[in-house]
Amino acid sequence: MFTEREPAVVRLSGEHDISTRDQLRRAFQAARENPRVIVDTVGVSYLDSTAVGEIARAAEHAARLPGGKLVIVARNQRLIRLLSIAGLTGTIPIVDTNADALALLADG
């Protein structure tokens, strides 16, 4: 059941590719019980398709929970373009700041 607890925040930094897939899975596993998830990618310098896939899976999981939603915080235009090419920008909101993400999640 949906509660009004704080959203889970998964902060990513550095480079994420197939070599960090297990680390990403653990980070998203830790947030699985929370229907509202913020993925903070401000510190990310590189993502490959493996990492994008983990984000997509986390978004799909959140969407299946009552009141669930995942929001990505991203400022890097190359990263946003990659997410767009992967088709995620049509289904996952992308905002500039954690405050914007919190506001978006508060609005439902």
PDB file of N, CA and C in Angstrom:
ATOM      1  N   MET A   1       0.841  -1.183   0.000  1.00  0.00           N
ATOM      2  CA  MET A   1       0.000   0.000   0.000  1.00  0.00           C
ATOM      3  C   MET A   1       0.881   1.240   0.000  1.00  0.00           C
ATOM      4  N   PHE A   2       0.462   2.258  -0.721  1.00  0.00           N
ATOM      5  CA  PHE A   2       1.213   3.503  -0.851  1.00  0.00           C
ATOM      6  C   PHE A   2       1.190   4.268   0.469  1.00  0.00           C
ATOM      7  N   THR A   3       2.363   4.708   0.883  1.00  0.00           N
ATOM      8  CA  THR A   3       2.468   5.539   2.074  1.00  0.00           C
ATOM      9  C   THR A   3       3.122   6.855   1.698  1.00  0.00           C
ATOM     10  N   GLU A   4       3.045   7.790   2.581  1.00  0.00           N
ATOM     11  CA  GLU A   4       3.611   9.117   2.326  1.00  0.00           C
ATOM     12  C   GLU A   4       5.055   9.240   2.805  1.00  0.00           C
ATOM     13  N   ARG A   5       5.778   8.147   2.846  1.00  0.00           N
ATOM     14  CA  ARG A   5       7.177   8.228   3.264  1.00  0.00           C
ATOM     15  C   ARG A   5       8.008   8.903   2.182  1.00  0.00           C
ATOM     16  N   GLU A   6       9.187   9.289   2.580  1.00  0.00           N
ATOM     17  CA  GLU A   6      10.104   9.951   1.658  1.00  0.00           C
ATOM     18  C   GLU A   6      10.451   9.016   0.496  1.00  0.00           C
ATOM     19  N   PRO A   7      10.650   9.574  -0.694  1.00  0.00           N
ATOM     20  CA  PRO A   7      11.062   8.735  -1.816  1.00  0.00           C
ATOM     21  C   PRO A   7      12.455   8.141  -1.573  1.00  0.00           C
ATOM     22  N   ALA A   8      12.701   7.001  -2.168  1.00  0.00           N
ATOM     23  CA  ALA A   8      14.047   6.418  -2.156  1.00  0.00           C
ATOM     24  C   ALA A   8      14.886   7.199  -3.161  1.00  0.00           C
ATOM     25  N   VAL A   9      16.126   7.471  -2.802  1.00  0.00           N
ATOM     26  CA  VAL A   9      17.031   8.170  -3.707  1.00  0.00           C
ATOM     27  C   VAL A   9      18.197   7.238  -4.029  1.00  0.00           C
ATOM     28  N   VAL A  10      18.372   6.976  -5.320  1.00  0.00           N
ATOM     29  CA  VAL A  10      19.499   6.171  -5.793  1.00  0.00           C
ATOM     30  C   VAL A  10      20.441   7.153  -6.483  1.00  0.00           C
ATOM     31  N   ARG A  11      21.584   7.419  -5.843  1.00  0.00           N
ATOM     32  CA  ARG A  11      22.565   8.365  -6.398  1.00  0.00           C
ATOM     33  C   ARG A  11      23.638   7.584  -7.149  1.00  0.00           C
ATOM     34  N   LEU A  12      23.784   7.916  -8.411  1.00  0.00           N
ATOM     35  CA  LEU A  12      24.796   7.284  -9.246  1.00  0.00           C
ATOM     36  C   LEU A  12      25.888   8.298  -9.540  1.00  0.00           C
ATOM     37  N   SER A  13      27.112   7.827  -9.592  1.00  0.00           N
ATOM     38  CA  SER A  13      28.212   8.716  -9.948  1.00  0.00           C
ATOM     39  C   SER A  13      29.263   7.921 -10.697  1.00  0.00           C
ATOM     40  N   GLY A  14      30.079   8.640 -11.434  1.00  0.00           N
ATOM     41  CA  GLY A  14      31.147   7.991 -12.190  1.00  0.00           C
ATOM     42  C   GLY A  14      30.616   7.311 -13.444  1.00  0.00           C
ATOM     43  N   GLU A  15      31.259   6.197 -13.781  1.00  0.00           N
ATOM     44  CA  GLU A  15      30.908   5.457 -14.997  1.00  0.00           C
ATOM     45  C   GLU A  15      30.168   4.184 -14.637  1.00  0.00           C
ATOM     46  N   HIS A  16      29.124   3.886 -15.419  1.00  0.00           N
ATOM     47  CA  HIS A  16      28.353   2.663 -15.200  1.00  0.00           C
ATOM     48  C   HIS A  16      28.204   1.919 -16.520  1.00  0.00           C
ATOM     49  N   ASP A  17      28.690   0.683 -16.502  1.00  0.00           N
ATOM     50  CA  ASP A  17      28.595  -0.175 -17.667  1.00  0.00           C
ATOM     51  C   ASP A  17      28.406  -1.607 -17.180  1.00  0.00           C
ATOM     52  N   ILE A  18      28.664  -2.563 -18.019  1.00  0.00           N
ATOM     53  CA  ILE A  18      28.425  -3.955 -17.640  1.00  0.00           C
ATOM     54  C   ILE A  18      29.227  -4.360 -16.399  1.00  0.00           C
ATOM     55  N   SER A  19      30.363  -3.729 -16.189  1.00  0.00           N
ATOM     56  CA  SER A  19      31.188  -4.089 -15.027  1.00  0.00           C
ATOM     57  C   SER A  19      30.580  -3.624 -13.702  1.00  0.00           C
ATOM     58  N   THR A  20      29.641  -2.679 -13.746  1.00  0.00           N
ATOM     59  CA  THR A  20      28.998  -2.192 -12.516  1.00  0.00           C
ATOM     60  C   THR A  20      27.530  -2.630 -12.431  1.00  0.00           C
ATOM     61  N   ARG A  21      27.115  -3.546 -13.307  1.00  0.00           N
ATOM     62  CA  ARG A  21      25.714  -3.976 -13.335  1.00  0.00           C
ATOM     63  C   ARG A  21      25.254  -4.498 -11.979  1.00  0.00           C
ATOM     64  N   ASP A  22      26.064  -5.335 -11.321  1.00  0.00           N
ATOM     65  CA  ASP A  22      25.660  -5.876 -10.020  1.00  0.00           C
ATOM     66  C   ASP A  22      25.504  -4.774  -8.976  1.00  0.00           C
ATOM     67  N   GLN A  23      26.389  -3.802  -9.004  1.00  0.00           N
ATOM     68  CA  GLN A  23      26.296  -2.661  -8.086  1.00  0.00           C
ATOM     69  C   GLN A  23      24.988  -1.894  -8.323  1.00  0.00           C
ATOM     70  N   LEU A  24      24.654  -1.674  -9.583  1.00  0.00           N
ATOM     71  CA  LEU A  24      23.405  -0.983  -9.907  1.00  0.00           C
ATOM     72  C   LEU A  24      22.195  -1.787  -9.452  1.00  0.00           C
ATOM     73  N   ARG A  25      22.222  -3.083  -9.698  1.00  0.00           N
ATOM     74  CA  ARG A  25      21.098  -3.928  -9.286  1.00  0.00           C
ATOM     75  C   ARG A  25      20.899  -3.867  -7.777  1.00  0.00           C
ATOM     76  N   ARG A  26      21.993  -3.911  -7.024  1.00  0.00           N
ATOM     77  CA  ARG A  26      21.877  -3.827  -5.563  1.00  0.00           C
ATOM     78  C   ARG A  26      21.296  -2.483  -5.137  1.00  0.00           C
ATOM     79  N   ALA A  27      21.722  -1.422  -5.785  1.00  0.00           N
ATOM     80  CA  ALA A  27      21.205  -0.090  -5.443  1.00  0.00           C
ATOM     81  C   ALA A  27      19.704  -0.014  -5.699  1.00  0.00           C
ATOM     82  N   PHE A  28      19.265  -0.544  -6.819  1.00  0.00           N
ATOM     83  CA  PHE A  28      17.837  -0.511  -7.117  1.00  0.00           C
ATOM     84  C   PHE A  28      17.058  -1.513  -6.273  1.00  0.00           C
ATOM     85  N   GLN A  29      17.667  -2.622  -5.922  1.00  0.00           N
ATOM     86  CA  GLN A  29      17.019  -3.590  -5.029  1.00  0.00           C
ATOM     87  C   GLN A  29      16.723  -2.945  -3.673  1.00  0.00           C
ATOM     88  N   ALA A  30      17.647  -2.134  -3.191  1.00  0.00           N
ATOM     89  CA  ALA A  30      17.465  -1.476  -1.897  1.00  0.00           C
ATOM     90  C   ALA A  30      16.269  -0.519  -1.921  1.00  0.00           C
ATOM     91  N   ALA A  31      15.900  -0.056  -3.108  1.00  0.00           N
ATOM     92  CA  ALA A  31      14.786   0.892  -3.232  1.00  0.00           C
ATOM     93  C   ALA A  31      13.484   0.225  -3.664  1.00  0.00           C
ATOM     94  N   ARG A  32      13.474  -1.080  -3.844  1.00  0.00           N
ATOM     95  CA  ARG A  32      12.312  -1.793  -4.417  1.00  0.00           C
ATOM     96  C   ARG A  32      11.019  -1.637  -3.636  1.00  0.00           C
ATOM     97  N   GLU A  33      11.097  -1.512  -2.340  1.00  0.00           N
ATOM     98  CA  GLU A  33       9.875  -1.449  -1.533  1.00  0.00           C
ATOM     99  C   GLU A  33       9.241  -0.066  -1.532  1.00  0.00           C
ATOM    100  N   ASN A  34       9.976   0.916  -1.969  1.00  0.00           N
ATOM    101  CA  ASN A  34       9.449   2.277  -1.998  1.00  0.00           C
ATOM    102  C   ASN A  34       8.846   2.533  -3.379  1.00  0.00           C
ATOM    103  N   PRO A  35       7.596   2.954  -3.448  1.00  0.00           N
ATOM    104  CA  PRO A  35       6.973   3.174  -4.755  1.00  0.00           C
ATOM    105  C   PRO A  35       7.475   4.428  -5.475  1.00  0.00           C
ATOM    106  N   ARG A  36       8.084   5.336  -4.728  1.00  0.00           N
ATOM    107  CA  ARG A  36       8.572   6.583  -5.315  1.00  0.00           C
ATOM    108  C   ARG A  36      10.093   6.587  -5.257  1.00  0.00           C
ATOM    109  N   VAL A  37      10.726   6.690  -6.436  1.00  0.00           N
ATOM    110  CA  VAL A  37      12.181   6.577  -6.534  1.00  0.00           C
ATOM    111  C   VAL A  37      12.732   7.743  -7.346  1.00  0.00           C
ATOM    112  N   ILE A  38      13.793   8.330  -6.813  1.00  0.00           N
ATOM    113  CA  ILE A  38      14.547   9.360  -7.532  1.00  0.00           C
ATOM    114  C   ILE A  38      15.893   8.755  -7.900  1.00  0.00           C
ATOM    115  N   VAL A  39      16.242   8.811  -9.181  1.00  0.00           N
ATOM    116  CA  VAL A  39      17.556   8.366  -9.639  1.00  0.00           C
ATOM    117  C   VAL A  39      18.354   9.621  -9.954  1.00  0.00           C
ATOM    118  N   ASP A  40      19.317   9.930  -9.093  1.00  0.00           N
ATOM    119  CA  ASP A  40      20.135  11.132  -9.230  1.00  0.00           C
ATOM    120  C   ASP A  40      21.374  10.777 -10.042  1.00  0.00           C
ATOM    121  N   THR A  41      21.431  11.278 -11.278  1.00  0.00           N
ATOM    122  CA  THR A  41      22.559  10.977 -12.173  1.00  0.00           C
ATOM    123  C   THR A  41      23.479  12.179 -12.370  1.00  0.00           C
ATOM    124  N   VAL A  42      23.358  13.185 -11.516  1.00  0.00           N
ATOM    125  CA  VAL A  42      24.139  14.403 -11.689  1.00  0.00           C
ATOM    126  C   VAL A  42      25.642  14.102 -11.703  1.00  0.00           C
ATOM    127  N   GLY A  43      26.086  13.129 -10.920  1.00  0.00           N
ATOM    128  CA  GLY A  43      27.508  12.795 -10.865  1.00  0.00           C
ATOM    129  C   GLY A  43      27.958  11.742 -11.860  1.00  0.00           C
ATOM    130  N   VAL A  44      27.099  11.375 -12.789  1.00  0.00           N
ATOM    131  CA  VAL A  44      27.438  10.331 -13.768  1.00  0.00           C
ATOM    132  C   VAL A  44      28.189  10.933 -14.947  1.00  0.00           C
ATOM    133  N   SER A  45      29.304  10.301 -15.295  1.00  0.00           N
ATOM    134  CA  SER A  45      30.053  10.743 -16.470  1.00  0.00           C
ATOM    135  C   SER A  45      29.814   9.842 -17.675  1.00  0.00           C
ATOM    136  N   TYR A  46      29.318   8.598 -17.427  1.00  0.00           N
ATOM    137  CA  TYR A  46      29.098   7.670 -18.539  1.00  0.00           C
ATOM    138  C   TYR A  46      28.113   6.589 -18.127  1.00  0.00           C
ATOM    139  N   LEU A  47      27.186   6.272 -19.019  1.00  0.00           N
ATOM    140  CA  LEU A  47      26.281   5.132 -18.865  1.00  0.00           C
ATOM    141  C   LEU A  47      26.280   4.367 -20.176  1.00  0.00           C
ATOM    142  N   ASP A  48      26.277   3.043 -20.095  1.00  0.00           N
ATOM    143  CA  ASP A  48      26.077   2.263 -21.311  1.00  0.00           C
ATOM    144  C   ASP A  48      24.688   1.656 -21.293  1.00  0.00           C
ATOM    145  N   SER A  49      24.384   0.842 -22.286  1.00  0.00           N
ATOM    146  CA  SER A  49      23.041   0.279 -22.409  1.00  0.00           C
ATOM    147  C   SER A  49      22.691  -0.635 -21.243  1.00  0.00           C
ATOM    148  N   THR A  50      23.685  -1.258 -20.626  1.00  0.00           N
ATOM    149  CA  THR A  50      23.421  -2.112 -19.464  1.00  0.00           C
ATOM    150  C   THR A  50      22.851  -1.275 -18.322  1.00  0.00           C
ATOM    151  N   ALA A  51      23.460  -0.145 -18.066  1.00  0.00           N
ATOM    152  CA  ALA A  51      22.999   0.740 -16.991  1.00  0.00           C
ATOM    153  C   ALA A  51      21.631   1.333 -17.322  1.00  0.00           C
ATOM    154  N   VAL A  52      21.433   1.714 -18.573  1.00  0.00           N
ATOM    155  CA  VAL A  52      20.138   2.245 -18.986  1.00  0.00           C
ATOM    156  C   VAL A  52      19.058   1.182 -18.787  1.00  0.00           C
ATOM    157  N   GLY A  53      19.387  -0.064 -19.094  1.00  0.00           N
ATOM    158  CA  GLY A  53      18.448  -1.156 -18.886  1.00  0.00           C
ATOM    159  C   GLY A  53      18.074  -1.337 -17.429  1.00  0.00           C
ATOM    160  N   GLU A  54      19.027  -1.175 -16.528  1.00  0.00           N
ATOM    161  CA  GLU A  54      18.737  -1.289 -15.091  1.00  0.00           C
ATOM    162  C   GLU A  54      17.808  -0.163 -14.637  1.00  0.00           C
ATOM    163  N   ILE A  55      18.012   1.028 -15.161  1.00  0.00           N
ATOM    164  CA  ILE A  55      17.123   2.148 -14.833  1.00  0.00           C
ATOM    165  C   ILE A  55      15.719   1.862 -15.357  1.00  0.00           C
ATOM    166  N   ALA A  56      15.634   1.352 -16.582  1.00  0.00           N
ATOM    167  CA  ALA A  56      14.325   1.035 -17.166  1.00  0.00           C
ATOM    168  C   ALA A  56      13.608  -0.025 -16.346  1.00  0.00           C
ATOM    169  N   ARG A  57      14.320  -1.051 -15.896  1.00  0.00           N
ATOM    170  CA  ARG A  57      13.702  -2.096 -15.066  1.00  0.00           C
ATOM    171  C   ARG A  57      13.200  -1.526 -13.742  1.00  0.00           C
ATOM    172  N   ALA A  58      13.990  -0.646 -13.149  1.00  0.00           N
ATOM    173  CA  ALA A  58      13.571  -0.023 -11.886  1.00  0.00           C
ATOM    174  C   ALA A  58      12.317   0.833 -12.100  1.00  0.00           C
ATOM    175  N   ALA A  59      12.251   1.527 -13.228  1.00  0.00           N
ATOM    176  CA  ALA A  59      11.071   2.355 -13.532  1.00  0.00           C
ATOM    177  C   ALA A  59       9.841   1.478 -13.740  1.00  0.00           C
ATOM    178  N   GLU A  60      10.007   0.359 -14.426  1.00  0.00           N
ATOM    179  CA  GLU A  60       8.890  -0.567 -14.643  1.00  0.00           C
ATOM    180  C   GLU A  60       8.392  -1.130 -13.315  1.00  0.00           C
ATOM    181  N   HIS A  61       9.325  -1.461 -12.439  1.00  0.00           N
ATOM    182  CA  HIS A  61       8.936  -1.987 -11.129  1.00  0.00           C
ATOM    183  C   HIS A  61       8.171  -0.931 -10.336  1.00  0.00           C
ATOM    184  N   ALA A  62       8.696   0.280 -10.292  1.00  0.00           N
ATOM    185  CA  ALA A  62       8.028   1.353  -9.539  1.00  0.00           C
ATOM    186  C   ALA A  62       6.623   1.589 -10.082  1.00  0.00           C
ATOM    187  N   ALA A  63       6.467   1.552 -11.393  1.00  0.00           N
ATOM    188  CA  ALA A  63       5.169   1.812 -12.008  1.00  0.00           C
ATOM    189  C   ALA A  63       4.129   0.749 -11.645  1.00  0.00           C
ATOM    190  N   ARG A  64       4.577  -0.450 -11.309  1.00  0.00           N
ATOM    191  CA  ARG A  64       3.642  -1.521 -10.926  1.00  0.00           C
ATOM    192  C   ARG A  64       3.157  -1.394  -9.484  1.00  0.00           C
ATOM    193  N   LEU A  65       3.831  -0.577  -8.682  1.00  0.00           N
ATOM    194  CA  LEU A  65       3.419  -0.391  -7.289  1.00  0.00           C
ATOM    195  C   LEU A  65       2.341   0.689  -7.207  1.00  0.00           C
ATOM    196  N   PRO A  66       1.414   0.559  -6.274  1.00  0.00           N
ATOM    197  CA  PRO A  66       0.396   1.606  -6.105  1.00  0.00           C
ATOM    198  C   PRO A  66       1.058   2.960  -5.819  1.00  0.00           C
ATOM    199  N   GLY A  67       0.734   3.954  -6.618  1.00  0.00           N
ATOM    200  CA  GLY A  67       1.313   5.283  -6.443  1.00  0.00           C
ATOM    201  C   GLY A  67       2.761   5.368  -6.875  1.00  0.00           C
ATOM    202  N   GLY A  68       3.244   4.361  -7.582  1.00  0.00           N
ATOM    203  CA  GLY A  68       4.658   4.281  -7.927  1.00  0.00           C
ATOM    204  C   GLY A  68       5.071   5.130  -9.110  1.00  0.00           C
ATOM    205  N   LYS A  69       6.268   5.682  -8.990  1.00  0.00           N
ATOM    206  CA  LYS A  69       6.826   6.501 -10.061  1.00  0.00           C
ATOM    207  C   LYS A  69       8.321   6.652  -9.838  1.00  0.00           C
ATOM    208  N   LEU A  70       9.076   6.616 -10.909  1.00  0.00           N
ATOM    209  CA  LEU A  70      10.511   6.872 -10.862  1.00  0.00           C
ATOM    210  C   LEU A  70      10.777   8.149 -11.636  1.00  0.00           C
ATOM    211  N   VAL A  71      11.626   8.993 -11.083  1.00  0.00           N
ATOM    212  CA  VAL A  71      12.015  10.256 -11.710  1.00  0.00           C
ATOM    213  C   VAL A  71      13.543  10.286 -11.780  1.00  0.00           C
ATOM    214  N   ILE A  72      14.063  10.741 -12.911  1.00  0.00           N
ATOM    215  CA  ILE A  72      15.515  10.857 -13.089  1.00  0.00           C
ATOM    216  C   ILE A  72      15.919  12.322 -12.972  1.00  0.00           C
ATOM    217  N   VAL A  73      16.965  12.571 -12.189  1.00  0.00           N
ATOM    218  CA  VAL A  73      17.570  13.901 -12.115  1.00  0.00           C
ATOM    219  C   VAL A  73      18.811  13.854 -13.001  1.00  0.00           C
ATOM    220  N   ALA A  74      18.812  14.679 -14.045  1.00  0.00           N
ATOM    221  CA  ALA A  74      19.935  14.686 -14.990  1.00  0.00           C
ATOM    222  C   ALA A  74      20.128  16.081 -15.550  1.00  0.00           C
ATOM    223  N   ARG A  75      21.378  16.465 -15.677  1.00  0.00           N
ATOM    224  CA  ARG A  75      21.712  17.765 -16.276  1.00  0.00           C
ATOM    225  C   ARG A  75      22.603  17.608 -17.498  1.00  0.00           C
ATOM    226  N   ASN A  76      23.276  16.465 -17.597  1.00  0.00           N
ATOM    227  CA  ASN A  76      24.197  16.194 -18.692  1.00  0.00           C
ATOM    228  C   ASN A  76      23.394  15.921 -19.967  1.00  0.00           C
ATOM    229  N   GLN A  77      23.527  16.787 -20.952  1.00  0.00           N
ATOM    230  CA  GLN A  77      22.744  16.665 -22.180  1.00  0.00           C
ATOM    231  C   GLN A  77      23.069  15.389 -22.963  1.00  0.00           C
ATOM    232  N   ARG A  78      24.306  14.921 -22.889  1.00  0.00           N
ATOM    233  CA  ARG A  78      24.644  13.662 -23.568  1.00  0.00           C
ATOM    234  C   ARG A  78      23.926  12.494 -22.910  1.00  0.00           C
ATOM    235  N   LEU A  79      23.832  12.515 -21.589  1.00  0.00           N
ATOM    236  CA  LEU A  79      23.121  11.469 -20.866  1.00  0.00           C
ATOM    237  C   LEU A  79      21.621  11.535 -21.187  1.00  0.00           C
ATOM    238  N   ILE A  80      21.065  12.719 -21.202  1.00  0.00           N
ATOM    239  CA  ILE A  80      19.647  12.875 -21.530  1.00  0.00           C
ATOM    240  C   ILE A  80      19.378  12.389 -22.952  1.00  0.00           C
ATOM    241  N   ARG A  81      20.290  12.690 -23.859  1.00  0.00           N
ATOM    242  CA  ARG A  81      20.141  12.208 -25.247  1.00  0.00           C
ATOM    243  C   ARG A  81      20.166  10.693 -25.284  1.00  0.00           C
ATOM    244  N   LEU A  82      21.059  10.063 -24.547  1.00  0.00           N
ATOM    245  CA  LEU A  82      21.124   8.601 -24.488  1.00  0.00           C
ATOM    246  C   LEU A  82      19.811   8.027 -23.957  1.00  0.00           C
ATOM    247  N   LEU A  83      19.280   8.609 -22.906  1.00  0.00           N
ATOM    248  CA  LEU A  83      18.005   8.151 -22.352  1.00  0.00           C
ATOM    249  C   LEU A  83      16.874   8.333 -23.372  1.00  0.00           C
ATOM    250  N   SER A  84      16.945   9.397 -24.147  1.00  0.00           N
ATOM    251  CA  SER A  84      15.958   9.642 -25.186  1.00  0.00           C
ATOM    252  C   SER A  84      16.057   8.601 -26.290  1.00  0.00           C
ATOM    253  N   ILE A  85      17.256   8.313 -26.743  1.00  0.00           N
ATOM    254  CA  ILE A  85      17.467   7.303 -27.778  1.00  0.00           C
ATOM    255  C   ILE A  85      16.951   5.944 -27.310  1.00  0.00           C
ATOM    256  N   ALA A  86      17.128   5.662 -26.014  1.00  0.00           N
ATOM    257  CA  ALA A  86      16.660   4.396 -25.446  1.00  0.00           C
ATOM    258  C   ALA A  86      15.144   4.374 -25.266  1.00  0.00           C
ATOM    259  N   GLY A  87      14.478   5.499 -25.507  1.00  0.00           N
ATOM    260  CA  GLY A  87      13.030   5.565 -25.407  1.00  0.00           C
ATOM    261  C   GLY A  87      12.506   5.815 -24.005  1.00  0.00           C
ATOM    262  N   LEU A  88      13.375   6.202 -23.082  1.00  0.00           N
ATOM    263  CA  LEU A  88      12.945   6.385 -21.703  1.00  0.00           C
ATOM    264  C   LEU A  88      12.337   7.748 -21.424  1.00  0.00           C
ATOM    265  N   THR A  89      12.690   8.752 -22.207  1.00  0.00           N
ATOM    266  CA  THR A  89      12.199  10.095 -21.907  1.00  0.00           C
ATOM    267  C   THR A  89      10.701  10.236 -22.152  1.00  0.00           C
ATOM    268  N   GLY A  90      10.119   9.318 -22.900  1.00  0.00           N
ATOM    269  CA  GLY A  90       8.682   9.356 -23.121  1.00  0.00           C
ATOM    270  C   GLY A  90       7.887   8.792 -21.960  1.00  0.00           C
ATOM    271  N   THR A  91       8.557   8.002 -21.116  1.00  0.00           N
ATOM    272  CA  THR A  91       7.843   7.345 -20.015  1.00  0.00           C
ATOM    273  C   THR A  91       8.363   7.710 -18.634  1.00  0.00           C
ATOM    274  N   ILE A  92       9.581   8.192 -18.554  1.00  0.00           N
ATOM    275  CA  ILE A  92      10.182   8.538 -17.263  1.00  0.00           C
ATOM    276  C   ILE A  92      10.468  10.042 -17.241  1.00  0.00           C
ATOM    277  N   PRO A  93       9.916  10.754 -16.263  1.00  0.00           N
ATOM    278  CA  PRO A  93      10.215  12.189 -16.175  1.00  0.00           C
ATOM    279  C   PRO A  93      11.699  12.423 -15.868  1.00  0.00           C
ATOM    280  N   ILE A  94      12.260  13.425 -16.525  1.00  0.00           N
ATOM    281  CA  ILE A  94      13.640  13.838 -16.272  1.00  0.00           C
ATOM    282  C   ILE A  94      13.597  15.300 -15.871  1.00  0.00           C
ATOM    283  N   VAL A  95      14.198  15.594 -14.719  1.00  0.00           N
ATOM    284  CA  VAL A  95      14.204  16.951 -14.182  1.00  0.00           C
ATOM    285  C   VAL A  95      15.639  17.365 -13.861  1.00  0.00           C
ATOM    286  N   ASP A  96      15.825  18.662 -13.571  1.00  0.00           N
ATOM    287  CA  ASP A  96      17.164  19.210 -13.339  1.00  0.00           C
ATOM    288  C   ASP A  96      17.680  19.051 -11.915  1.00  0.00           C
ATOM    289  N   THR A  97      16.779  19.007 -10.931  1.00  0.00           N
ATOM    290  CA  THR A  97      17.219  19.008  -9.537  1.00  0.00           C
ATOM    291  C   THR A  97      16.422  18.009  -8.711  1.00  0.00           C
ATOM    292  N   ASN A  98      16.985  17.654  -7.561  1.00  0.00           N
ATOM    293  CA  ASN A  98      16.268  16.773  -6.632  1.00  0.00           C
ATOM    294  C   ASN A  98      15.008  17.459  -6.113  1.00  0.00           C
ATOM    295  N   ALA A  99      15.058  18.769  -5.925  1.00  0.00           N
ATOM    296  CA  ALA A  99      13.867  19.507  -5.479  1.00  0.00           C
ATOM    297  C   ALA A  99      12.750  19.380  -6.502  1.00  0.00           C
ATOM    298  N   ASP A 100      13.097  19.472  -7.793  1.00  0.00           N
ATOM    299  CA  ASP A 100      12.096  19.292  -8.852  1.00  0.00           C
ATOM    300  C   ASP A 100      11.526  17.886  -8.831  1.00  0.00           C
ATOM    301  N   ALA A 101      12.382  16.895  -8.571  1.00  0.00           N
ATOM    302  CA  ALA A 101      11.930  15.506  -8.506  1.00  0.00           C
ATOM    303  C   ALA A 101      10.973  15.316  -7.332  1.00  0.00           C
ATOM    304  N   LEU A 102      11.321  15.864  -6.184  1.00  0.00           N
ATOM    305  CA  LEU A 102      10.439  15.761  -5.015  1.00  0.00           C
ATOM    306  C   LEU A 102       9.082  16.408  -5.283  1.00  0.00           C
ATOM    307  N   ALA A 103       9.101  17.569  -5.920  1.00  0.00           N
ATOM    308  CA  ALA A 103       7.851  18.267  -6.236  1.00  0.00           C
ATOM    309  C   ALA A 103       7.005  17.445  -7.193  1.00  0.00           C
ATOM    310  N   LEU A 104       7.636  16.853  -8.185  1.00  0.00           N
ATOM    311  CA  LEU A 104       6.916  16.041  -9.159  1.00  0.00           C
ATOM    312  C   LEU A 104       6.306  14.808  -8.501  1.00  0.00           C
ATOM    313  N   LEU A 105       7.050  14.184  -7.607  1.00  0.00           N
ATOM    314  CA  LEU A 105       6.527  13.012  -6.899  1.00  0.00           C
ATOM    315  C   LEU A 105       5.418  13.401  -5.921  1.00  0.00           C
ATOM    316  N   ALA A 106       5.497  14.574  -5.350  1.00  0.00           N
ATOM    317  CA  ALA A 106       4.467  15.032  -4.418  1.00  0.00           C
ATOM    318  C   ALA A 106       3.154  15.302  -5.147  1.00  0.00           C
ATOM    319  N   ASP A 107       3.270  15.720  -6.412  1.00  0.00           N
ATOM    320  CA  ASP A 107       2.076  16.006  -7.215  1.00  0.00           C
ATOM    321  C   ASP A 107       1.381  14.728  -7.672  1.00  0.00           C
ATOM    322  N   GLY A 108       2.065  13.601  -7.518  1.00  0.00           N
ATOM    323  CA  GLY A 108       1.458  12.335  -7.926  1.00  0.00           C
ATOM    324  C   GLY A 108       1.874  12.000  -9.264  1.00  0.00           C
TER     325      GLY A 108
END
